[in-house]
Amino acid sequence: MAEQTYEYLILRLSGDRAAHLAERLNQHAAEGYEPIMMCGDAALSLLLRRPKEAKLEPPEEAV
C-alpha cells in the first residue's frame, strides 16, 4: 500500500474576521482540505491538510 502524502495550509483569521470562519472552512473543505488543528487568542490559526494528488506519468508509446 502506498504511503499517503499531504499538502498543508495555514489559515490565519484576526478577531474581527473570525465571524467568517464557517464560510472559509466550507470553502477550503470544498477544495479537499480538512481541519487538523486550531489555536489562538487575538487571532485564530487553523492548520488544514488535503491529500496530494499523485502525479501521473504519461503512458509510454508503443514502438
C-alpha atoms as a PDB file:
ATOM      1  CA  MET A   1       0.000   0.000   0.000  1.00  0.00           C
ATOM      2  CA  ALA A   2       1.377   3.436  -0.945  1.00  0.00           C
ATOM      3  CA  GLU A   3       2.009   5.921   1.825  1.00  0.00           C
ATOM      4  CA  GLN A   4      -0.357   8.914   1.730  1.00  0.00           C
ATOM      5  CA  THR A   5       1.259  12.353   1.465  1.00  0.00           C
ATOM      6  CA  TYR A   6      -0.448  15.644   2.214  1.00  0.00           C
ATOM      7  CA  GLU A   7      -0.161  19.313   1.413  1.00  0.00           C
ATOM      8  CA  TYR A   8      -0.818  21.731   4.260  1.00  0.00           C
ATOM      9  CA  LEU A   9      -2.335  25.189   4.538  1.00  0.00           C
ATOM     10  CA  ILE A  10      -2.265  27.594   7.494  1.00  0.00           C
ATOM     11  CA  LEU A  11      -5.277  29.877   7.658  1.00  0.00           C
ATOM     12  CA  ARG A  12      -4.990  32.873  10.000  1.00  0.00           C
ATOM     13  CA  LEU A  13      -8.008  34.985  10.940  1.00  0.00           C
ATOM     14  CA  SER A  14      -7.877  38.088  13.125  1.00  0.00           C
ATOM     15  CA  GLY A  15     -10.523  38.592  15.814  1.00  0.00           C
ATOM     16  CA  ASP A  16     -12.782  40.717  13.611  1.00  0.00           C
ATOM     17  CA  ARG A  17     -12.660  38.112  10.807  1.00  0.00           C
ATOM     18  CA  ALA A  18     -13.466  35.102  12.982  1.00  0.00           C
ATOM     19  CA  ALA A  19     -17.163  35.539  12.160  1.00  0.00           C
ATOM     20  CA  HIS A  20     -16.335  34.322   8.636  1.00  0.00           C
ATOM     21  CA  LEU A  21     -14.748  31.130   9.947  1.00  0.00           C
ATOM     22  CA  ALA A  22     -17.523  28.730   8.861  1.00  0.00           C
ATOM     23  CA  GLU A  23     -17.619  30.242   5.375  1.00  0.00           C
ATOM     24  CA  ARG A  24     -13.834  29.950   4.949  1.00  0.00           C
ATOM     25  CA  LEU A  25     -13.769  26.383   6.306  1.00  0.00           C
ATOM     26  CA  ASN A  26     -16.544  25.341   3.930  1.00  0.00           C
ATOM     27  CA  GLN A  27     -14.688  26.951   1.022  1.00  0.00           C
ATOM     28  CA  HIS A  28     -11.472  25.052   1.816  1.00  0.00           C
ATOM     29  CA  ALA A  29     -13.376  21.810   2.507  1.00  0.00           C
ATOM     30  CA  ALA A  30     -14.836  22.047  -0.993  1.00  0.00           C
ATOM     31  CA  GLU A  31     -11.220  22.158  -2.248  1.00  0.00           C
ATOM     32  CA  GLY A  32     -10.438  18.935  -0.365  1.00  0.00           C
ATOM     33  CA  TYR A  33      -8.895  20.371   2.828  1.00  0.00           C
ATOM     34  CA  GLU A  34      -9.752  19.081   6.301  1.00  0.00           C
ATOM     35  CA  PRO A  35      -9.019  20.969   9.546  1.00  0.00           C
ATOM     36  CA  ILE A  36      -6.337  19.369  11.709  1.00  0.00           C
ATOM     37  CA  MET A  37      -5.634  21.902  14.471  1.00  0.00           C
ATOM     38  CA  MET A  38      -6.931  25.250  15.701  1.00  0.00           C
ATOM     39  CA  CYS A  39      -5.334  27.655  18.196  1.00  0.00           C
ATOM     40  CA  GLY A  40      -5.109  31.337  19.069  1.00  0.00           C
ATOM     41  CA  ASP A  41      -6.242  34.231  21.214  1.00  0.00           C
ATOM     42  CA  ALA A  42      -6.331  37.593  19.408  1.00  0.00           C
ATOM     43  CA  ALA A  43      -6.003  35.783  16.081  1.00  0.00           C
ATOM     44  CA  LEU A  44      -7.152  32.312  15.166  1.00  0.00           C
ATOM     45  CA  SER A  45      -4.796  29.986  13.305  1.00  0.00           C
ATOM     46  CA  LEU A  46      -6.035  26.836  11.601  1.00  0.00           C
ATOM     47  CA  LEU A  47      -3.940  24.049  10.140  1.00  0.00           C
ATOM     48  CA  LEU A  48      -5.631  22.296   7.221  1.00  0.00           C
ATOM     49  CA  ARG A  49      -4.467  19.423   5.036  1.00  0.00           C
ATOM     50  CA  ARG A  50      -5.515  17.570   1.908  1.00  0.00           C
ATOM     51  CA  PRO A  51      -4.067  14.529   0.159  1.00  0.00           C
ATOM     52  CA  LYS A  52      -1.549  15.319  -2.555  1.00  0.00           C
ATOM     53  CA  GLU A  53      -2.636  14.195  -5.963  1.00  0.00           C
ATOM     54  CA  ALA A  54      -0.451  11.544  -7.494  1.00  0.00           C
ATOM     55  CA  LYS A  55       1.453  12.847 -10.468  1.00  0.00           C
ATOM     56  CA  LEU A  56       0.605  10.593 -13.357  1.00  0.00           C
ATOM     57  CA  GLU A  57       3.347   9.688 -15.759  1.00  0.00           C
ATOM     58  CA  PRO A  58       2.332   9.909 -19.418  1.00  0.00           C
ATOM     59  CA  PRO A  59       1.947   6.444 -20.931  1.00  0.00           C
ATOM     60  CA  GLU A  60       4.937   5.187 -22.887  1.00  0.00           C
ATOM     61  CA  GLU A  61       4.298   4.963 -26.591  1.00  0.00           C
ATOM     62  CA  ALA A  62       4.467   1.507 -28.116  1.00  0.00           C
ATOM     63  CA  VAL A  63       7.238   1.066 -30.657  1.00  0.00           C
END
